[in-house]
């Protein structure tokens, strides 16, 4: 049970960090130029955002499922 909570917190923290780095990368000058020319972010920025969102959602889900299992 404690291992699941630790895993959930780690996933949530990693997800938030990846989202933060993805956001920071999307705001850089090079990324803005690439987006203006191609209409999309670079692959690395896109992966930061996708994996960050997935990790954060998995962490929240594990935290919520852990609490509902005890009730």
C-alpha atoms as a PDB file:
ATOM      1  CA  UNK A   1       0.000   0.000   0.000  1.00  0.00           C
ATOM      2  CA  UNK A   2       2.759   2.450   0.918  1.00  0.00           C
ATOM      3  CA  UNK A   3       4.675   1.370  -2.181  1.00  0.00           C
ATOM      4  CA  UNK A   4       1.682   2.300  -4.359  1.00  0.00           C
ATOM      5  CA  UNK A   5       1.421   5.708  -2.695  1.00  0.00           C
ATOM      6  CA  UNK A   6       5.150   6.324  -3.210  1.00  0.00           C
ATOM      7  CA  UNK A   7       4.866   5.265  -6.845  1.00  0.00           C
ATOM      8  CA  UNK A   8       1.875   7.569  -7.316  1.00  0.00           C
ATOM      9  CA  UNK A   9       3.718  10.525  -5.822  1.00  0.00           C
ATOM     10  CA  UNK A  10       6.816   9.828  -7.907  1.00  0.00           C
ATOM     11  CA  UNK A  11       4.721   9.607 -11.081  1.00  0.00           C
ATOM     12  CA  UNK A  12       2.950  12.837 -10.210  1.00  0.00           C
ATOM     13  CA  UNK A  13       6.199  14.698  -9.496  1.00  0.00           C
ATOM     14  CA  UNK A  14       7.883  13.365 -12.648  1.00  0.00           C
ATOM     15  CA  UNK A  15       4.818  14.294 -14.676  1.00  0.00           C
ATOM     16  CA  UNK A  16       4.764  17.840 -13.338  1.00  0.00           C
ATOM     17  CA  UNK A  17       8.494  18.210 -14.007  1.00  0.00           C
ATOM     18  CA  UNK A  18       8.125  16.935 -17.573  1.00  0.00           C
ATOM     19  CA  UNK A  19       5.214  19.295 -18.163  1.00  0.00           C
ATOM     20  CA  UNK A  20       7.266  22.169 -16.767  1.00  0.00           C
ATOM     21  CA  UNK A  21      10.234  21.366 -19.015  1.00  0.00           C
ATOM     22  CA  UNK A  22       7.927  20.914 -21.998  1.00  0.00           C
ATOM     23  CA  UNK A  23       6.311  24.288 -21.328  1.00  0.00           C
ATOM     24  CA  UNK A  24       9.699  25.955 -20.920  1.00  0.00           C
ATOM     25  CA  UNK A  25      10.894  24.383 -24.171  1.00  0.00           C
ATOM     26  CA  UNK A  26       7.753  25.502 -26.006  1.00  0.00           C
ATOM     27  CA  UNK A  27       8.398  29.102 -24.940  1.00  0.00           C
ATOM     28  CA  UNK A  28      11.986  29.202 -26.249  1.00  0.00           C
ATOM     29  CA  UNK A  29      12.846  31.352 -29.251  1.00  0.00           C
ATOM     30  CA  UNK A  30      13.880  28.386 -31.395  1.00  0.00           C
ATOM     31  CA  UNK A  31      10.676  26.537 -30.607  1.00  0.00           C
ATOM     32  CA  UNK A  32       8.586  29.607 -31.391  1.00  0.00           C
ATOM     33  CA  UNK A  33      10.293  29.943 -34.796  1.00  0.00           C
ATOM     34  CA  UNK A  34       9.805  26.248 -35.536  1.00  0.00           C
ATOM     35  CA  UNK A  35       6.147  26.460 -34.568  1.00  0.00           C
ATOM     36  CA  UNK A  36       5.640  29.559 -36.699  1.00  0.00           C
ATOM     37  CA  UNK A  37       7.197  27.870 -39.754  1.00  0.00           C
ATOM     38  CA  UNK A  38       5.825  24.338 -39.394  1.00  0.00           C
ATOM     39  CA  UNK A  39       2.744  24.949 -37.272  1.00  0.00           C
ATOM     40  CA  UNK A  40       3.759  22.414 -34.625  1.00  0.00           C
ATOM     41  CA  UNK A  41       6.237  21.882 -31.818  1.00  0.00           C
ATOM     42  CA  UNK A  42       9.419  19.876 -32.240  1.00  0.00           C
ATOM     43  CA  UNK A  43       9.258  16.170 -31.449  1.00  0.00           C
ATOM     44  CA  UNK A  44      11.171  16.505 -28.185  1.00  0.00           C
ATOM     45  CA  UNK A  45       8.854  19.209 -26.856  1.00  0.00           C
ATOM     46  CA  UNK A  46       5.809  17.209 -27.889  1.00  0.00           C
ATOM     47  CA  UNK A  47       7.125  14.128 -26.089  1.00  0.00           C
ATOM     48  CA  UNK A  48       7.839  16.138 -22.932  1.00  0.00           C
ATOM     49  CA  UNK A  49       4.238  17.353 -22.913  1.00  0.00           C
ATOM     50  CA  UNK A  50       2.663  13.960 -23.749  1.00  0.00           C
ATOM     51  CA  UNK A  51       4.736  11.955 -21.264  1.00  0.00           C
ATOM     52  CA  UNK A  52       4.337  14.616 -18.585  1.00  0.00           C
ATOM     53  CA  UNK A  53       0.565  14.631 -18.922  1.00  0.00           C
ATOM     54  CA  UNK A  54       0.386  10.825 -18.961  1.00  0.00           C
ATOM     55  CA  UNK A  55       2.649  10.478 -15.934  1.00  0.00           C
ATOM     56  CA  UNK A  56       0.797  13.126 -13.937  1.00  0.00           C
ATOM     57  CA  UNK A  57      -2.581  11.571 -14.756  1.00  0.00           C
ATOM     58  CA  UNK A  58      -1.317   8.116 -13.783  1.00  0.00           C
ATOM     59  CA  UNK A  59      -0.018   9.498 -10.475  1.00  0.00           C
ATOM     60  CA  UNK A  60      -3.315  11.211  -9.684  1.00  0.00           C
ATOM     61  CA  UNK A  61      -5.261   8.093 -10.662  1.00  0.00           C
ATOM     62  CA  UNK A  62      -3.131   5.886  -8.403  1.00  0.00           C
ATOM     63  CA  UNK A  63      -3.557   8.306  -5.504  1.00  0.00           C
ATOM     64  CA  UNK A  64      -7.323   8.440  -5.971  1.00  0.00           C
ATOM     65  CA  UNK A  65      -7.697   4.681  -6.430  1.00  0.00           C
ATOM     66  CA  UNK A  66      -5.614   4.037  -3.326  1.00  0.00           C
ATOM     67  CA  UNK A  67      -7.901   6.203  -1.204  1.00  0.00           C
ATOM     68  CA  UNK A  68     -11.117   4.695  -2.581  1.00  0.00           C
ATOM     69  CA  UNK A  69      -9.858   1.144  -1.961  1.00  0.00           C
ATOM     70  CA  UNK A  70      -9.652   1.895   1.761  1.00  0.00           C
ATOM     71  CA  UNK A  71     -13.176   3.283   2.054  1.00  0.00           C
END
